[in-house]
Every structure is written in structure tokens, then in C-alpha cells.
Amino acid sequence: MTFTDGTAVVSPEPPRRPDCTILTEPVAFLLIALGHYTAVDALTRGKVLAWGRRPWLAPTFPGLFTAP
């Protein structure tokens, strides 16, 4: 997923050098989406891993979406 000026685009090929790669456990992802965990809580508990050139972007990722 690539964000440009607030617009998300999903492409079949990943970017050459992603800024941030996020790996999350499914349950932690659901709890973050429902607002029961914050991204920082999940990161500190080891339920989410982030790496890349700009891993500090990971905690802001959930804020880019609105839960139904």
C-alpha cells in the first residue's frame, strides 16, 4: 500500500524500498482496529513488528483509516 497526498493505492508489486514494513498478529490487528489496543501497546507487547527506513511511521498507520 502506498500513500500519496492522503490517498491509498494498492499495487500488485511492492515498492522497491518501502519506508515501513509492518508485521502483526491477526488478533492484535483486530484489537487495534476495534480500538482496544493502541499501536504503541501492541508494539511494546511484541504483537507487532515494524522495520524499514522509517519504522517510526508504524504507530500512525491505524490512524489513516476509519473503523466502521
N, C-alpha and C. Protein backbone atom coordinates (compact mmCIF):
# COMPACT_ATOMS: atom_id res chain seq x y z
N MET A 1 0.85 -1.14 0.00
CA MET A 1 0.00 0.00 0.00
C MET A 1 0.91 1.22 0.00
N THR A 2 0.60 2.15 -0.86
CA THR A 2 1.36 3.39 -0.96
C THR A 2 0.43 4.56 -0.71
N PHE A 3 0.87 5.50 0.10
CA PHE A 3 0.09 6.70 0.39
C PHE A 3 0.74 7.90 -0.29
N THR A 4 -0.06 8.62 -1.06
CA THR A 4 0.40 9.84 -1.71
C THR A 4 -0.65 10.91 -1.50
N ASP A 5 -0.31 11.97 -0.82
CA ASP A 5 -1.23 13.07 -0.53
C ASP A 5 -2.53 12.59 0.10
N GLY A 6 -2.43 11.62 1.02
CA GLY A 6 -3.60 11.12 1.74
C GLY A 6 -4.42 10.09 0.99
N THR A 7 -3.98 9.68 -0.17
CA THR A 7 -4.71 8.69 -0.96
C THR A 7 -3.95 7.37 -0.93
N ALA A 8 -4.65 6.28 -0.57
CA ALA A 8 -4.03 4.95 -0.53
C ALA A 8 -4.19 4.27 -1.87
N VAL A 9 -3.11 3.66 -2.35
CA VAL A 9 -3.12 2.91 -3.60
C VAL A 9 -2.50 1.55 -3.33
N VAL A 10 -3.21 0.50 -3.72
CA VAL A 10 -2.70 -0.86 -3.57
C VAL A 10 -2.23 -1.31 -4.95
N SER A 11 -0.97 -1.66 -5.04
CA SER A 11 -0.43 -2.12 -6.33
C SER A 11 -0.03 -3.58 -6.20
N PRO A 12 -0.03 -4.30 -7.32
CA PRO A 12 0.32 -5.73 -7.27
C PRO A 12 1.78 -5.97 -6.87
N GLU A 13 2.64 -5.02 -7.18
CA GLU A 13 4.06 -5.15 -6.84
C GLU A 13 4.39 -4.23 -5.66
N PRO A 14 5.15 -4.71 -4.69
CA PRO A 14 5.55 -3.84 -3.58
C PRO A 14 6.53 -2.77 -4.06
N PRO A 15 6.61 -1.65 -3.35
CA PRO A 15 7.59 -0.62 -3.73
C PRO A 15 9.00 -1.18 -3.60
N ARG A 16 9.92 -0.58 -4.33
CA ARG A 16 11.30 -1.07 -4.32
C ARG A 16 11.91 -0.98 -2.94
N ARG A 17 11.74 0.15 -2.27
CA ARG A 17 12.27 0.34 -0.91
C ARG A 17 11.17 0.91 -0.04
N PRO A 18 10.38 0.07 0.61
CA PRO A 18 9.30 0.61 1.44
C PRO A 18 9.85 1.39 2.63
N ASP A 19 9.11 2.42 3.01
CA ASP A 19 9.51 3.21 4.18
C ASP A 19 9.34 2.40 5.46
N CYS A 20 8.26 1.61 5.52
CA CYS A 20 7.96 0.87 6.74
C CYS A 20 7.24 -0.43 6.37
N THR A 21 7.71 -1.52 6.92
CA THR A 21 7.05 -2.82 6.76
C THR A 21 6.50 -3.19 8.13
N ILE A 22 5.22 -3.58 8.17
CA ILE A 22 4.56 -3.90 9.43
C ILE A 22 4.11 -5.35 9.40
N LEU A 23 4.49 -6.10 10.43
CA LEU A 23 4.06 -7.48 10.60
C LEU A 23 3.28 -7.54 11.90
N THR A 24 2.04 -8.03 11.85
CA THR A 24 1.20 -8.05 13.05
C THR A 24 0.50 -9.39 13.20
N GLU A 25 0.25 -9.76 14.45
CA GLU A 25 -0.55 -10.94 14.72
C GLU A 25 -2.01 -10.59 14.40
N PRO A 26 -2.78 -11.54 13.87
CA PRO A 26 -4.17 -11.25 13.48
C PRO A 26 -5.03 -10.72 14.63
N VAL A 27 -4.90 -11.29 15.81
CA VAL A 27 -5.73 -10.84 16.93
C VAL A 27 -5.34 -9.42 17.34
N ALA A 28 -4.05 -9.13 17.36
CA ALA A 28 -3.60 -7.78 17.69
C ALA A 28 -4.11 -6.78 16.66
N PHE A 29 -4.10 -7.16 15.38
CA PHE A 29 -4.62 -6.29 14.33
C PHE A 29 -6.09 -5.98 14.57
N LEU A 30 -6.86 -6.99 14.92
CA LEU A 30 -8.29 -6.80 15.19
C LEU A 30 -8.50 -5.89 16.40
N LEU A 31 -7.73 -6.12 17.46
CA LEU A 31 -7.87 -5.29 18.66
C LEU A 31 -7.48 -3.84 18.41
N ILE A 32 -6.49 -3.61 17.57
CA ILE A 32 -6.12 -2.24 17.21
C ILE A 32 -7.24 -1.62 16.39
N ALA A 33 -7.77 -2.37 15.42
CA ALA A 33 -8.85 -1.86 14.57
C ALA A 33 -10.10 -1.52 15.37
N LEU A 34 -10.38 -2.28 16.41
CA LEU A 34 -11.55 -2.03 17.25
C LEU A 34 -11.31 -0.99 18.34
N GLY A 35 -10.06 -0.57 18.48
CA GLY A 35 -9.74 0.45 19.47
C GLY A 35 -9.46 -0.06 20.86
N HIS A 36 -9.29 -1.38 21.02
CA HIS A 36 -8.99 -1.94 22.34
C HIS A 36 -7.50 -1.89 22.67
N TYR A 37 -6.66 -1.84 21.65
CA TYR A 37 -5.22 -1.67 21.79
C TYR A 37 -4.85 -0.41 21.02
N THR A 38 -3.80 0.25 21.47
CA THR A 38 -3.20 1.27 20.61
C THR A 38 -2.05 0.59 19.88
N ALA A 39 -1.60 1.19 18.81
CA ALA A 39 -0.48 0.61 18.07
C ALA A 39 0.77 0.54 18.95
N VAL A 40 0.95 1.53 19.80
CA VAL A 40 2.12 1.54 20.69
C VAL A 40 2.02 0.40 21.70
N ASP A 41 0.82 0.13 22.25
CA ASP A 41 0.64 -1.01 23.17
C ASP A 41 1.04 -2.31 22.48
N ALA A 42 0.55 -2.50 21.27
CA ALA A 42 0.85 -3.74 20.54
C ALA A 42 2.33 -3.85 20.22
N LEU A 43 2.96 -2.73 19.86
CA LEU A 43 4.40 -2.75 19.58
C LEU A 43 5.21 -3.12 20.83
N THR A 44 4.86 -2.52 21.97
CA THR A 44 5.62 -2.80 23.19
C THR A 44 5.39 -4.21 23.71
N ARG A 45 4.25 -4.81 23.39
CA ARG A 45 3.96 -6.19 23.81
C ARG A 45 4.52 -7.22 22.84
N GLY A 46 5.12 -6.78 21.75
CA GLY A 46 5.71 -7.69 20.78
C GLY A 46 4.69 -8.32 19.85
N LYS A 47 3.50 -7.78 19.79
CA LYS A 47 2.45 -8.31 18.91
C LYS A 47 2.56 -7.74 17.50
N VAL A 48 3.30 -6.66 17.37
CA VAL A 48 3.51 -6.00 16.08
C VAL A 48 5.00 -5.71 15.94
N LEU A 49 5.54 -5.99 14.77
CA LEU A 49 6.93 -5.67 14.47
C LEU A 49 6.95 -4.70 13.31
N ALA A 50 7.84 -3.73 13.35
CA ALA A 50 7.98 -2.77 12.26
C ALA A 50 9.46 -2.59 11.96
N TRP A 51 9.79 -2.52 10.67
CA TRP A 51 11.16 -2.29 10.27
C TRP A 51 11.16 -1.57 8.93
N GLY A 52 12.31 -1.13 8.54
CA GLY A 52 12.47 -0.42 7.27
C GLY A 52 13.21 0.88 7.48
N ARG A 53 13.17 1.74 6.47
CA ARG A 53 13.88 3.01 6.54
C ARG A 53 13.24 3.97 7.53
N ARG A 54 11.92 3.88 7.73
CA ARG A 54 11.20 4.79 8.63
C ARG A 54 10.21 4.02 9.50
N PRO A 55 10.70 3.16 10.40
CA PRO A 55 9.79 2.33 11.21
C PRO A 55 8.93 3.13 12.18
N TRP A 56 9.31 4.38 12.48
CA TRP A 56 8.51 5.20 13.39
C TRP A 56 7.15 5.56 12.79
N LEU A 57 6.92 5.26 11.52
CA LEU A 57 5.62 5.50 10.90
C LEU A 57 4.58 4.46 11.32
N ALA A 58 5.01 3.32 11.82
CA ALA A 58 4.09 2.22 12.15
C ALA A 58 2.99 2.62 13.13
N PRO A 59 3.27 3.32 14.24
CA PRO A 59 2.18 3.66 15.17
C PRO A 59 1.13 4.59 14.56
N THR A 60 1.46 5.32 13.52
CA THR A 60 0.49 6.24 12.91
C THR A 60 -0.37 5.56 11.86
N PHE A 61 -0.02 4.36 11.43
CA PHE A 61 -0.73 3.66 10.36
C PHE A 61 -2.22 3.45 10.66
N PRO A 62 -2.62 2.98 11.84
CA PRO A 62 -4.05 2.79 12.10
C PRO A 62 -4.87 4.07 12.00
N GLY A 63 -4.25 5.21 12.27
CA GLY A 63 -4.96 6.48 12.20
C GLY A 63 -5.31 6.91 10.78
N LEU A 64 -4.79 6.21 9.79
CA LEU A 64 -5.08 6.54 8.39
C LEU A 64 -6.42 5.97 7.94
N PHE A 65 -7.05 5.16 8.79
CA PHE A 65 -8.31 4.50 8.43
C PHE A 65 -9.38 4.81 9.47
N THR A 66 -10.62 4.72 9.05
CA THR A 66 -11.75 4.90 9.95
C THR A 66 -12.45 3.56 10.14
N ALA A 67 -12.61 3.13 11.39
CA ALA A 67 -13.28 1.87 11.67
C ALA A 67 -14.77 2.01 11.43
N PRO A 68 -15.41 0.97 10.91
CA PRO A 68 -16.86 1.05 10.66
C PRO A 68 -17.66 1.07 11.95
